[in-house]
C-alpha atoms as a PDB file:
ATOM      1  CA  MET A   1     120.613 107.274 114.132  1.00  0.00           C
ATOM      2  CA  ILE A   2     117.156 107.565 112.531  1.00  0.00           C
ATOM      3  CA  PRO A   3     116.334 111.208 111.609  1.00  0.00           C
ATOM      4  CA  ALA A   4     113.475 112.536 113.745  1.00  0.00           C
ATOM      5  CA  VAL A   5     111.953 114.202 110.676  1.00  0.00           C
ATOM      6  CA  GLU A   6     111.050 110.750 109.307  1.00  0.00           C
ATOM      7  CA  LEU A   7     108.834 109.865 112.270  1.00  0.00           C
ATOM      8  CA  LYS A   8     107.522 113.263 113.384  1.00  0.00           C
ATOM      9  CA  PRO A   9     104.496 113.277 111.007  1.00  0.00           C
ATOM     10  CA  GLN A  10     103.524 109.825 112.313  1.00  0.00           C
ATOM     11  CA  LEU A  11     103.728 111.002 115.920  1.00  0.00           C
ATOM     12  CA  LEU A  12     101.785 114.202 115.210  1.00  0.00           C
ATOM     13  CA  GLU A  13      99.004 112.159 113.607  1.00  0.00           C
ATOM     14  CA  ARG A  14      98.975 109.813 116.606  1.00  0.00           C
ATOM     15  CA  GLN A  15      98.810 112.829 118.949  1.00  0.00           C
ATOM     16  CA  LYS A  16      95.827 114.212 117.015  1.00  0.00           C
ATOM     17  CA  ARG A  17      93.933 110.907 117.179  1.00  0.00           C
ATOM     18  CA  LEU A  18      94.543 110.512 120.912  1.00  0.00           C
ATOM     19  CA  LYS A  19      93.264 114.044 121.601  1.00  0.00           C
ATOM     20  CA  ASN A  20      90.153 113.322 119.506  1.00  0.00           C
ATOM     21  CA  ALA A  21      89.625 110.099 121.462  1.00  0.00           C
ATOM     22  CA  ILE A  22      89.774 112.054 124.742  1.00  0.00           C
ATOM     23  CA  ASP A  23      87.240 114.581 123.397  1.00  0.00           C
ATOM     24  CA  GLU A  24      84.851 111.795 122.368  1.00  0.00           C
ATOM     25  CA  MET A  25      85.345 109.268 125.177  1.00  0.00           C
ATOM     26  CA  GLY A  26      86.712 111.321 128.024  1.00  0.00           C
ATOM     27  CA  GLU A  27      90.015 110.792 129.803  1.00  0.00           C
ATOM     28  CA  THR A  28      91.011 107.222 130.550  1.00  0.00           C
ATOM     29  CA  ASP A  29      94.279 106.194 132.168  1.00  0.00           C
ATOM     30  CA  HIS A  30      95.400 104.299 129.066  1.00  0.00           C
ATOM     31  CA  ILE A  31      94.707 107.084 126.567  1.00  0.00           C
ATOM     32  CA  VAL A  32      96.195 109.765 128.813  1.00  0.00           C
ATOM     33  CA  PHE A  33      99.349 107.661 129.289  1.00  0.00           C
ATOM     34  CA  LEU A  34      99.733 107.148 125.515  1.00  0.00           C
ATOM     35  CA  LEU A  35      99.252 110.865 124.864  1.00  0.00           C
ATOM     36  CA  GLN A  36     101.896 111.713 127.469  1.00  0.00           C
ATOM     37  CA  GLU A  37     104.311 109.277 125.788  1.00  0.00           C
ATOM     38  CA  VAL A  38     103.699 110.836 122.368  1.00  0.00           C
ATOM     39  CA  ASP A  39     104.083 114.367 123.767  1.00  0.00           C
ATOM     40  CA  ALA A  40     107.363 113.343 125.421  1.00  0.00           C
ATOM     41  CA  ALA A  41     108.689 111.892 122.166  1.00  0.00           C
ATOM     42  CA  LEU A  42     107.840 115.096 120.284  1.00  0.00           C
ATOM     43  CA  GLU A  43     109.591 117.117 123.002  1.00  0.00           C
ATOM     44  CA  ARG A  44     112.724 114.961 122.598  1.00  0.00           C
ATOM     45  CA  MET A  45     112.610 115.685 118.874  1.00  0.00           C
ATOM     46  CA  ASP A  46     112.438 119.436 119.508  1.00  0.00           C
ATOM     47  CA  GLU A  47     115.379 119.162 121.927  1.00  0.00           C
ATOM     48  CA  GLY A  48     117.451 117.141 119.428  1.00  0.00           C
ATOM     49  CA  ILE A  49     117.812 114.094 121.686  1.00  0.00           C
ATOM     50  CA  TYR A  50     115.198 111.839 120.091  1.00  0.00           C
ATOM     51  CA  GLY A  51     116.454 108.324 119.374  1.00  0.00           C
ATOM     52  CA  LEU A  52     119.126 108.394 122.115  1.00  0.00           C
ATOM     53  CA  CYS A  53     118.974 105.886 124.956  1.00  0.00           C
ATOM     54  CA  GLU A  54     118.024 107.583 128.227  1.00  0.00           C
ATOM     55  CA  ILE A  55     120.489 105.390 130.134  1.00  0.00           C
ATOM     56  CA  CYS A  56     123.678 105.112 128.057  1.00  0.00           C
ATOM     57  CA  HIS A  57     122.889 107.966 125.600  1.00  0.00           C
ATOM     58  CA  ASP A  58     123.898 105.829 122.601  1.00  0.00           C
ATOM     59  CA  PRO A  59     121.557 105.602 119.571  1.00  0.00           C
ATOM     60  CA  ILE A  60     118.584 103.257 119.941  1.00  0.00           C
ATOM     61  CA  GLU A  61     118.287 100.545 117.264  1.00  0.00           C
ATOM     62  CA  GLU A  62     116.625 101.976 114.121  1.00  0.00           C
ATOM     63  CA  ASP A  63     114.346  99.006 113.443  1.00  0.00           C
ATOM     64  CA  ARG A  64     112.923  99.244 116.974  1.00  0.00           C
ATOM     65  CA  LEU A  65     112.228 102.969 116.576  1.00  0.00           C
ATOM     66  CA  ARG A  66     110.476 102.394 113.276  1.00  0.00           C
ATOM     67  CA  VAL A  67     108.240  99.750 114.860  1.00  0.00           C
ATOM     68  CA  ASP A  68     107.657 101.747 118.074  1.00  0.00           C
ATOM     69  CA  PRO A  69     108.634 105.459 117.885  1.00  0.00           C
ATOM     70  CA  LEU A  70     108.058 105.796 121.642  1.00  0.00           C
ATOM     71  CA  VAL A  71     111.003 103.558 122.619  1.00  0.00           C
ATOM     72  CA  ARG A  72     113.397 105.292 125.027  1.00  0.00           C
ATOM     73  CA  VAL A  73     115.978 102.618 125.902  1.00  0.00           C
ATOM     74  CA  CYS A  74     118.339 100.586 123.698  1.00  0.00           C
ATOM     75  CA  LEU A  75     118.421  96.789 123.819  1.00  0.00           C
ATOM     76  CA  GLY A  76     121.586  96.742 125.896  1.00  0.00           C
ATOM     77  CA  ASP A  77     119.934  98.650 128.732  1.00  0.00           C
ATOM     78  CA  LEU A  78     116.676  96.723 129.003  1.00  0.00           C
ATOM     79  CA  ASN A  79     116.108  95.200 132.428  1.00  0.00           C
ATOM     80  CA  LYS A  80     115.641  91.433 132.819  1.00  0.00           C
ATOM     81  CA  ILE A  81     111.838  91.597 132.687  1.00  0.00           C
ATOM     82  CA  GLN A  82     111.908  93.763 129.569  1.00  0.00           C
ATOM     83  CA  GLN A  83     114.417  91.416 127.932  1.00  0.00           C
ATOM     84  CA  ARG A  84     112.227  88.390 128.651  1.00  0.00           C
ATOM     85  CA  ILE A  85     109.144  90.110 127.203  1.00  0.00           C
ATOM     86  CA  LEU A  86     111.077  91.101 124.074  1.00  0.00           C
ATOM     87  CA  GLU A  87     112.393  87.552 123.627  1.00  0.00           C
ATOM     88  CA  GLU A  88     108.868  86.153 123.923  1.00  0.00           C
ATOM     89  CA  ASP A  89     107.551  88.678 121.390  1.00  0.00           C
ATOM     90  CA  LEU A  90     110.321  87.834 118.909  1.00  0.00           C
ATOM     91  CA  SER A  91     109.727  84.115 119.348  1.00  0.00           C
ATOM     92  CA  LEU A  92     106.020  84.563 118.636  1.00  0.00           C
ATOM     93  CA  ALA A  93     106.766  86.772 115.613  1.00  0.00           C
ATOM     94  CA  SER A  94     109.096  84.091 114.271  1.00  0.00           C
ATOM     95  CA  LYS A  95     106.424  81.390 114.640  1.00  0.00           C
ATOM     96  CA  LEU A  96     103.792  83.561 112.936  1.00  0.00           C
ATOM     97  CA  GLN A  97     106.155  84.348 110.076  1.00  0.00           C
ATOM     98  CA  THR A  98     106.934  80.654 109.589  1.00  0.00           C
ATOM     99  CA  MET A  99     103.198  79.918 109.403  1.00  0.00           C
ATOM    100  CA  LEU A 100     102.908  82.277 106.416  1.00  0.00           C
ATOM    101  CA  LEU A 101     105.368  80.253 104.335  1.00  0.00           C
ATOM    102  CA  PRO A 102     103.857  78.081 101.582  1.00  0.00           C
ATOM    103  CA  ARG A 103     104.018  74.294 101.534  1.00  0.00           C
ATOM    104  CA  ASN A 104     107.398  73.154 100.223  1.00  0.00           C
ATOM    105  CA  ASP A 105     108.447  70.629  97.568  1.00  0.00           C
ATOM    106  CA  PHE A 106     105.176  70.206  95.690  1.00  0.00           C
ATOM    107  CA  THR A 107     103.891  69.972  92.127  1.00  0.00           C
ATOM    108  CA  TYR A 108     101.198  71.568  89.974  1.00  0.00           C
ATOM    109  CA  ASN A 109     100.726  69.376  86.935  1.00  0.00           C
ATOM    110  CA  ASP A 110     104.048  69.718  85.052  1.00  0.00           C
ATOM    111  CA  TRP A 111     105.605  72.100  87.582  1.00  0.00           C
ATOM    112  CA  ASN A 112     107.771  71.212  90.570  1.00  0.00           C
ATOM    113  CA  ILE A 113     108.655  73.884  93.142  1.00  0.00           C
ATOM    114  CA  TYR A 114     111.122  73.829  96.004  1.00  0.00           C
ATOM    115  CA  TYR A 115     112.507  76.600  98.218  1.00  0.00           C
ATOM    116  CA  HIS A 116     114.899  77.132 101.118  1.00  0.00           C
ATOM    117  CA  TYR A 117     114.109  79.890 103.643  1.00  0.00           C
ATOM    118  CA  GLU A 118     116.760  80.751 106.229  1.00  0.00           C
ATOM    119  CA  PRO A 119     116.452  83.892 108.407  1.00  0.00           C
ATOM    120  CA  ALA A 120     119.698  85.384 109.709  1.00  0.00           C
ATOM    121  CA  GLY A 121     117.980  85.981 113.059  1.00  0.00           C
ATOM    122  CA  LEU A 122     114.667  85.100 114.681  1.00  0.00           C
ATOM    123  CA  VAL A 123     112.671  87.021 112.064  1.00  0.00           C
ATOM    124  CA  SER A 124     113.293  87.681 108.388  1.00  0.00           C
ATOM    125  CA  GLY A 125     112.741  90.441 105.844  1.00  0.00           C
ATOM    126  CA  ASP A 126     112.687  87.948 102.961  1.00  0.00           C
ATOM    127  CA  TYR A 127     109.318  87.242 101.369  1.00  0.00           C
ATOM    128  CA  CYS A 128     108.704  83.830  99.784  1.00  0.00           C
ATOM    129  CA  ASP A 129     105.254  82.848  98.526  1.00  0.00           C
ATOM    130  CA  LEU A 130     103.400  80.488  96.177  1.00  0.00           C
ATOM    131  CA  VAL A 131      99.729  81.103  95.434  1.00  0.00           C
ATOM    132  CA  SER A 132      97.270  79.067  93.360  1.00  0.00           C
ATOM    133  CA  THR A 133      93.832  80.576  92.746  1.00  0.00           C
ATOM    134  CA  ASN A 134      92.242  78.082  90.369  1.00  0.00           C
ATOM    135  CA  GLY A 135      93.099  74.775  92.009  1.00  0.00           C
ATOM    136  CA  LYS A 136      95.729  72.212  91.171  1.00  0.00           C
ATOM    137  CA  ALA A 137      93.981  71.072  87.981  1.00  0.00           C
ATOM    138  CA  SER A 138      94.669  74.406  86.276  1.00  0.00           C
ATOM    139  CA  GLY A 139      98.418  74.035  86.673  1.00  0.00           C
ATOM    140  CA  GLU A 140      98.688  77.818  87.127  1.00  0.00           C
ATOM    141  CA  PHE A 141     100.205  79.541  90.150  1.00  0.00           C
ATOM    142  CA  TYR A 142     101.973  82.708  91.239  1.00  0.00           C
ATOM    143  CA  PHE A 143     105.450  82.672  92.732  1.00  0.00           C
ATOM    144  CA  ILE A 144     106.893  85.616  94.649  1.00  0.00           C
ATOM    145  CA  LEU A 145     110.332  86.216  96.119  1.00  0.00           C
ATOM    146  CA  GLY A 146     111.248  89.534  97.711  1.00  0.00           C
ATOM    147  CA  ASP A 147     113.647  91.270 100.068  1.00  0.00           C
ATOM    148  CA  VAL A 148     112.501  94.101 102.325  1.00  0.00           C
ATOM    149  CA  SER A 149     114.955  96.916 103.034  1.00  0.00           C
ATOM    150  CA  GLY A 150     116.493  96.787 106.488  1.00  0.00           C
ATOM    151  CA  LYS A 151     116.530  93.957 108.985  1.00  0.00           C
ATOM    152  CA  GLY A 152     114.847  92.744 112.127  1.00  0.00           C
ATOM    153  CA  VAL A 153     111.313  93.344 113.347  1.00  0.00           C
ATOM    154  CA  ALA A 154     110.506  96.293 111.067  1.00  0.00           C
ATOM    155  CA  ALA A 155     111.475  94.333 107.941  1.00  0.00           C
ATOM    156  CA  SER A 156     109.523  91.273 109.080  1.00  0.00           C
ATOM    157  CA  MET A 157     106.404  93.368 109.699  1.00  0.00           C
ATOM    158  CA  LEU A 158     106.605  94.849 106.211  1.00  0.00           C
ATOM    159  CA  MET A 159     107.081  91.351 104.786  1.00  0.00           C
ATOM    160  CA  THR A 160     103.851  90.284 106.503  1.00  0.00           C
ATOM    161  CA  HIS A 161     102.136  93.361 105.071  1.00  0.00           C
ATOM    162  CA  MET A 162     103.303  92.381 101.567  1.00  0.00           C
ATOM    163  CA  HIS A 163     101.962  88.861 102.059  1.00  0.00           C
ATOM    164  CA  ALA A 164      98.503  90.192 102.913  1.00  0.00           C
ATOM    165  CA  MET A 165      98.423  92.582  99.936  1.00  0.00           C
ATOM    166  CA  PHE A 166      99.377  89.971  97.358  1.00  0.00           C
ATOM    167  CA  HIS A 167      96.949  87.373  98.701  1.00  0.00           C
ATOM    168  CA  SER A 168      94.114  89.921  98.617  1.00  0.00           C
ATOM    169  CA  LEU A 169      94.820  91.238  95.111  1.00  0.00           C
ATOM    170  CA  ILE A 170      95.681  87.956  93.352  1.00  0.00           C
ATOM    171  CA  GLU A 171      92.037  86.903  93.718  1.00  0.00           C
ATOM    172  CA  PHE A 172      91.056  89.660  91.243  1.00  0.00           C
ATOM    173  CA  ASN A 173      93.145  88.061  88.461  1.00  0.00           C
ATOM    174  CA  PHE A 174      94.802  91.308  87.339  1.00  0.00           C
ATOM    175  CA  PRO A 175      97.456  91.141  84.600  1.00  0.00           C
ATOM    176  CA  LEU A 176     100.804  90.492  86.276  1.00  0.00           C
ATOM    177  CA  ASN A 177     102.233  93.982  85.728  1.00  0.00           C
ATOM    178  CA  ALA A 178      98.997  95.565  87.018  1.00  0.00           C
ATOM    179  CA  LEU A 179      99.122  93.344  90.112  1.00  0.00           C
ATOM    180  CA  VAL A 180     102.653  94.490  90.935  1.00  0.00           C
ATOM    181  CA  SER A 181     101.741  98.142  90.228  1.00  0.00           C
ATOM    182  CA  LYS A 182      98.778  97.983  92.608  1.00  0.00           C
ATOM    183  CA  VAL A 183     100.870  96.436  95.377  1.00  0.00           C
ATOM    184  CA  ASN A 184     103.499  99.135  94.814  1.00  0.00           C
ATOM    185  CA  LYS A 185     100.878 101.899  95.099  1.00  0.00           C
ATOM    186  CA  LEU A 186      99.456 100.450  98.312  1.00  0.00           C
ATOM    187  CA  LEU A 187     102.943 100.081  99.746  1.00  0.00           C
ATOM    188  CA  CYS A 188     103.788 103.714  98.962  1.00  0.00           C
ATOM    189  CA  GLU A 189     100.592 104.875 100.638  1.00  0.00           C
ATOM    190  CA  SER A 190     100.860 102.754 103.773  1.00  0.00           C
ATOM    191  CA  THR A 191     104.540 102.696 104.798  1.00  0.00           C
ATOM    192  CA  LEU A 192     107.349 105.109 105.598  1.00  0.00           C
ATOM    193  CA  SER A 193     109.263 106.494 102.621  1.00  0.00           C
ATOM    194  CA  THR A 194     112.439 104.837 103.907  1.00  0.00           C
ATOM    195  CA  HIS A 195     110.986 101.353 103.370  1.00  0.00           C
ATOM    196  CA  PHE A 196     111.064  99.618 100.013  1.00  0.00           C
ATOM    197  CA  THR A 197     111.096  96.076  98.675  1.00  0.00           C
ATOM    198  CA  THR A 198     112.904  94.424  95.788  1.00  0.00           C
ATOM    199  CA  LEU A 199     110.749  91.649  94.421  1.00  0.00           C
ATOM    200  CA  VAL A 200     110.171  89.123  91.646  1.00  0.00           C
ATOM    201  CA  CYS A 201     106.571  88.183  90.955  1.00  0.00           C
ATOM    202  CA  GLY A 202     105.834  85.510  88.384  1.00  0.00           C
ATOM    203  CA  LYS A 203     102.991  83.407  87.034  1.00  0.00           C
ATOM    204  CA  ALA A 204     103.424  79.892  85.675  1.00  0.00           C
ATOM    205  CA  HIS A 205     100.869  78.483  83.216  1.00  0.00           C
ATOM    206  CA  SER A 206      99.933  74.882  82.490  1.00  0.00           C
ATOM    207  CA  ASN A 207     101.329  75.073  78.923  1.00  0.00           C
ATOM    208  CA  GLY A 208     104.861  75.847  80.138  1.00  0.00           C
ATOM    209  CA  GLU A 209     104.603  79.619  79.783  1.00  0.00           C
ATOM    210  CA  ILE A 210     106.158  81.775  82.498  1.00  0.00           C
ATOM    211  CA  GLU A 211     105.488  85.488  83.071  1.00  0.00           C
ATOM    212  CA  ILE A 212     107.941  87.415  85.248  1.00  0.00           C
ATOM    213  CA  CYS A 213     107.901  90.947  86.631  1.00  0.00           C
ATOM    214  CA  ASN A 214     111.141  91.968  88.373  1.00  0.00           C
ATOM    215  CA  ALA A 215     110.953  95.022  90.629  1.00  0.00           C
ATOM    216  CA  GLY A 216     114.639  95.751  91.116  1.00  0.00           C
ATOM    217  CA  HIS A 217     115.444  92.339  92.610  1.00  0.00           C
ATOM    218  CA  CYS A 218     118.457  90.074  92.094  1.00  0.00           C
ATOM    219  CA  LEU A 219     118.254  88.813  88.501  1.00  0.00           C
ATOM    220  CA  PRO A 220     116.608  85.359  88.260  1.00  0.00           C
ATOM    221  CA  VAL A 221     118.476  82.755  86.213  1.00  0.00           C
ATOM    222  CA  LEU A 222     116.757  81.000  83.316  1.00  0.00           C
ATOM    223  CA  ILE A 223     118.149  77.508  82.744  1.00  0.00           C
ATOM    224  CA  LYS A 224     117.131  76.093  79.360  1.00  0.00           C
ATOM    225  CA  LYS A 225     118.620  73.185  77.450  1.00  0.00           C
ATOM    226  CA  ASP A 226     120.787  75.380  75.245  1.00  0.00           C
ATOM    227  CA  THR A 227     120.688  78.697  77.129  1.00  0.00           C
ATOM    228  CA  ILE A 228     121.664  80.073  80.530  1.00  0.00           C
ATOM    229  CA  ALA A 229     120.565  83.669  80.951  1.00  0.00           C
ATOM    230  CA  GLU A 230     119.714  86.218  83.634  1.00  0.00           C
ATOM    231  CA  ILE A 231     116.199  87.643  83.472  1.00  0.00           C
ATOM    232  CA  PRO A 232     116.383  91.467  83.468  1.00  0.00           C
ATOM    233  CA  SER A 233     114.705  93.868  85.854  1.00  0.00           C
ATOM    234  CA  THR A 234     111.433  95.342  84.564  1.00  0.00           C
ATOM    235  CA  GLY A 235     110.963  98.185  87.041  1.00  0.00           C
ATOM    236  CA  LEU A 236     112.107  99.869  90.250  1.00  0.00           C
ATOM    237  CA  PRO A 237     111.728  98.386  93.747  1.00  0.00           C
ATOM    238  CA  LEU A 238     108.285  98.634  95.332  1.00  0.00           C
ATOM    239  CA  GLY A 239     107.594 101.506  97.689  1.00  0.00           C
ATOM    240  CA  LEU A 240     109.644 104.222  95.968  1.00  0.00           C
ATOM    241  CA  PHE A 241     107.221 105.883  93.524  1.00  0.00           C
ATOM    242  CA  ALA A 242     103.453 105.347  93.597  1.00  0.00           C
ATOM    243  CA  ASP A 243     103.017 105.814  89.835  1.00  0.00           C
ATOM    244  CA  GLN A 244     105.795 103.374  88.818  1.00  0.00           C
ATOM    245  CA  GLU A 245     104.827 101.110  85.902  1.00  0.00           C
ATOM    246  CA  TYR A 246     106.170  97.605  85.295  1.00  0.00           C
ATOM    247  CA  SER A 247     106.625  95.436  82.231  1.00  0.00           C
ATOM    248  CA  VAL A 248     106.594  91.647  81.950  1.00  0.00           C
ATOM    249  CA  CYS A 249     109.073  89.149  80.463  1.00  0.00           C
ATOM    250  CA  ARG A 250     107.653  85.933  78.992  1.00  0.00           C
ATOM    251  CA  TYR A 251     109.367  82.577  78.500  1.00  0.00           C
ATOM    252  CA  HIS A 252     108.441  78.998  77.631  1.00  0.00           C
ATOM    253  CA  LEU A 253     109.968  76.150  79.611  1.00  0.00           C
ATOM    254  CA  ASN A 254     110.276  72.591  78.335  1.00  0.00           C
ATOM    255  CA  GLU A 255     111.091  69.416  80.220  1.00  0.00           C
ATOM    256  CA  GLY A 256     114.054  69.801  82.586  1.00  0.00           C
ATOM    257  CA  GLU A 257     114.181  73.597  82.262  1.00  0.00           C
ATOM    258  CA  SER A 258     114.068  75.820  85.338  1.00  0.00           C
ATOM    259  CA  ILE A 259     114.032  79.323  86.746  1.00  0.00           C
ATOM    260  CA  PHE A 260     116.169  80.024  89.816  1.00  0.00           C
ATOM    261  CA  LEU A 261     115.358  82.920  92.159  1.00  0.00           C
ATOM    262  CA  TYR A 262     117.369  84.033  95.180  1.00  0.00           C
ATOM    263  CA  THR A 263     117.840  86.927  97.595  1.00  0.00           C
ATOM    264  CA  ASP A 264     121.077  88.854  98.095  1.00  0.00           C
ATOM    265  CA  GLY A 265     121.825  86.679 101.111  1.00  0.00           C
ATOM    266  CA  LEU A 266     123.335  84.392  98.459  1.00  0.00           C
ATOM    267  CA  SER A 267     124.922  86.746  95.919  1.00  0.00           C
ATOM    268  CA  GLU A 268     126.311  89.211  98.483  1.00  0.00           C
ATOM    269  CA  SER A 269     127.655  86.660 100.961  1.00  0.00           C
ATOM    270  CA  ARG A 270     131.292  87.443 101.674  1.00  0.00           C
ATOM    271  CA  LYS A 271     134.324  85.765 103.081  1.00  0.00           C
ATOM    272  CA  GLU A 272     136.897  88.388 103.908  1.00  0.00           C
ATOM    273  CA  GLU A 273     136.983  90.570 100.759  1.00  0.00           C
ATOM    274  CA  ILE A 274     135.588  87.992  98.346  1.00  0.00           C
ATOM    275  CA  GLU A 275     131.912  88.114  97.354  1.00  0.00           C
ATOM    276  CA  TYR A 276     129.995  85.025  96.263  1.00  0.00           C
ATOM    277  CA  GLY A 277     128.700  86.978  93.259  1.00  0.00           C
ATOM    278  CA  THR A 278     126.324  86.463  90.357  1.00  0.00           C
ATOM    279  CA  GLU A 279     128.949  84.978  88.015  1.00  0.00           C
ATOM    280  CA  ARG A 280     129.350  82.026  90.357  1.00  0.00           C
ATOM    281  CA  ILE A 281     125.564  81.646  90.581  1.00  0.00           C
ATOM    282  CA  VAL A 282     125.111  81.558  86.796  1.00  0.00           C
ATOM    283  CA  LYS A 283     127.993  79.120  86.364  1.00  0.00           C
ATOM    284  CA  ILE A 284     126.640  76.654  88.936  1.00  0.00           C
ATOM    285  CA  ALA A 285     123.070  76.970  87.646  1.00  0.00           C
ATOM    286  CA  GLY A 286     124.285  76.214  84.140  1.00  0.00           C
ATOM    287  CA  GLY A 287     125.376  72.761  85.244  1.00  0.00           C
ATOM    288  CA  LEU A 288     122.018  71.884  86.803  1.00  0.00           C
ATOM    289  CA  PHE A 289     119.841  71.511  83.701  1.00  0.00           C
ATOM    290  CA  GLY A 290     117.484  68.574  84.131  1.00  0.00           C
ATOM    291  CA  LYS A 291     118.072  68.311  87.901  1.00  0.00           C
ATOM    292  CA  SER A 292     115.164  68.218  90.334  1.00  0.00           C
ATOM    293  CA  SER A 293     114.253  71.366  92.251  1.00  0.00           C
ATOM    294  CA  VAL A 294     115.435  69.801  95.510  1.00  0.00           C
ATOM    295  CA  ASN A 295     118.771  68.799  93.968  1.00  0.00           C
ATOM    296  CA  PHE A 296     119.108  72.305  92.506  1.00  0.00           C
ATOM    297  CA  VAL A 297     118.640  74.062  95.846  1.00  0.00           C
ATOM    298  CA  ASN A 298     120.815  71.598  97.785  1.00  0.00           C
ATOM    299  CA  THR A 299     123.672  72.114  95.329  1.00  0.00           C
ATOM    300  CA  PHE A 300     123.701  75.825  96.126  1.00  0.00           C
ATOM    301  CA  LEU A 301     123.381  75.250  99.872  1.00  0.00           C
ATOM    302  CA  THR A 302     126.390  72.943  99.769  1.00  0.00           C
ATOM    303  CA  ASP A 303     128.383  75.411  97.700  1.00  0.00           C
ATOM    304  CA  ILE A 304     127.614  78.473  99.849  1.00  0.00           C
ATOM    305  CA  LYS A 305     128.544  76.509 102.963  1.00  0.00           C
ATOM    306  CA  SER A 306     131.850  75.540 101.363  1.00  0.00           C
ATOM    307  CA  PHE A 307     132.436  79.119 100.212  1.00  0.00           C
ATOM    308  CA  LEU A 308     131.873  80.606 103.663  1.00  0.00           C
ATOM    309  CA  SER A 309     133.899  77.875 105.403  1.00  0.00           C
ATOM    310  CA  GLY A 310     132.519  78.665 108.833  1.00  0.00           C
ATOM    311  CA  THR A 311     132.046  82.416 108.312  1.00  0.00           C
ATOM    312  CA  SER A 312     128.661  83.476 109.690  1.00  0.00           C
ATOM    313  CA  LYS A 313     125.959  84.643 107.291  1.00  0.00           C
ATOM    314  CA  LEU A 314     124.905  88.232 107.991  1.00  0.00           C
ATOM    315  CA  ASP A 315     121.742  88.337 105.878  1.00  0.00           C
ATOM    316  CA  ASP A 316     118.575  86.330 105.324  1.00  0.00           C
ATOM    317  CA  LEU A 317     118.877  83.660 102.629  1.00  0.00           C
ATOM    318  CA  THR A 318     116.065  82.414 100.400  1.00  0.00           C
ATOM    319  CA  LEU A 319     116.364  80.219  97.301  1.00  0.00           C
ATOM    320  CA  LEU A 320     113.465  79.225  95.039  1.00  0.00           C
ATOM    321  CA  VAL A 321     113.429  76.915  92.002  1.00  0.00           C
ATOM    322  CA  ILE A 322     110.556  76.539  89.519  1.00  0.00           C
ATOM    323  CA  ASN A 323     111.156  73.430  87.394  1.00  0.00           C
ATOM    324  CA  ARG A 324     109.182  71.900  84.511  1.00  0.00           C
ATOM    325  CA  PHE A 325     109.722  68.187  84.905  1.00  0.00           C
ATOM    326  CA  LYS A 326     107.952  67.010  81.763  1.00  0.00           C
ATOM    327  CA  GLY A 327     106.910  68.567  78.456  1.00  0.00           C
END
C-alpha cells in the first residue's frame, strides 16, 4: 500500500489553495466539496486508514492513488456507472497516447527508422519519440526511448509529461547531455520522488555520426560490420537527483550498420523461471547486420513470440531500430 507520507504534502498544498480560493472567491459548492474531500483524506491519513477501500478494506491500487489521492474505493468495488466512466476515461487516454507516437517506418536522408510499440494494457509507461527540428533536408533528428517506473495511468501520465518536456526543450538546440540534464531537473521538480524514468536520448547526424546519452536504461546494441557491442549507461535514471550530470557516447555508422533500442518488456520477459535476457538480444542482433529496420524489428517480434509460447506478456514492449542504409 502506498505510504501516506508520500502524498500528504501534496494534499496539504491542495488544501491551502482551496482555502485561498474560498477567501478570494467566496464559497461555491464545487470548491467546498473539494475541500471536504481533501480534509477527509488527511483525516484518514491521521487515523492510519488512508489507501484502504471503504467497502472491502483492501488496499486501493497505487497508480490510482498517485493520480487521484482522493480515491476511496478499489477497482473491484466500483459500481457499474463508475466502471463505465473509468473504462471510457482509459479508452480516451489510450487514444491520446497513441496520437503522441511518431510516424513509423520513415527515412531522413541516409537514415531509416522503424519501431514497434505494444502496451501491456490500455495505456503504457513506455516513451517512444522521434523529433526533427531542421527539416528532412538536414538529415538530423533526435530519437528517444524510455520506460517510466510503475504501470497504468500514473506511468502513462508521466510519459505524456516527458513528451511535452522534450518537445519544448529540443527547439533550443542544447547539447545532448545538457538537454537530458534539463529534462531531469524539471522532472525532479514537478513529480513525486517515487517516480523516475530510465531513458536513452540520441541524436543522429547527416554524416553518419550518432550521439547517445543513456540515463540508466537497457543498454542499446550497436551493430557494425565487424563489431557487436552494448552501449554503456552514461548516467542515472531521470527524476532521482536534480543535479545529476550526463555524458555522451559518440559513434559513426556506415552502410548497413544499426543501433537497436528496447525496453525491459523484451529483456525481462519470462517463461516460467527463464528470462529472455540481454545475451539472447545481442546474439540475435549480431546476425542482423545489413537488414532493414523493419526486418530487424520483426525478427525480434517473431523470436519473443516463440520464446513465450503463449505465455502472456506482463510489461509494455517497445523496440526501436536506427539504421544507416547507405554510406
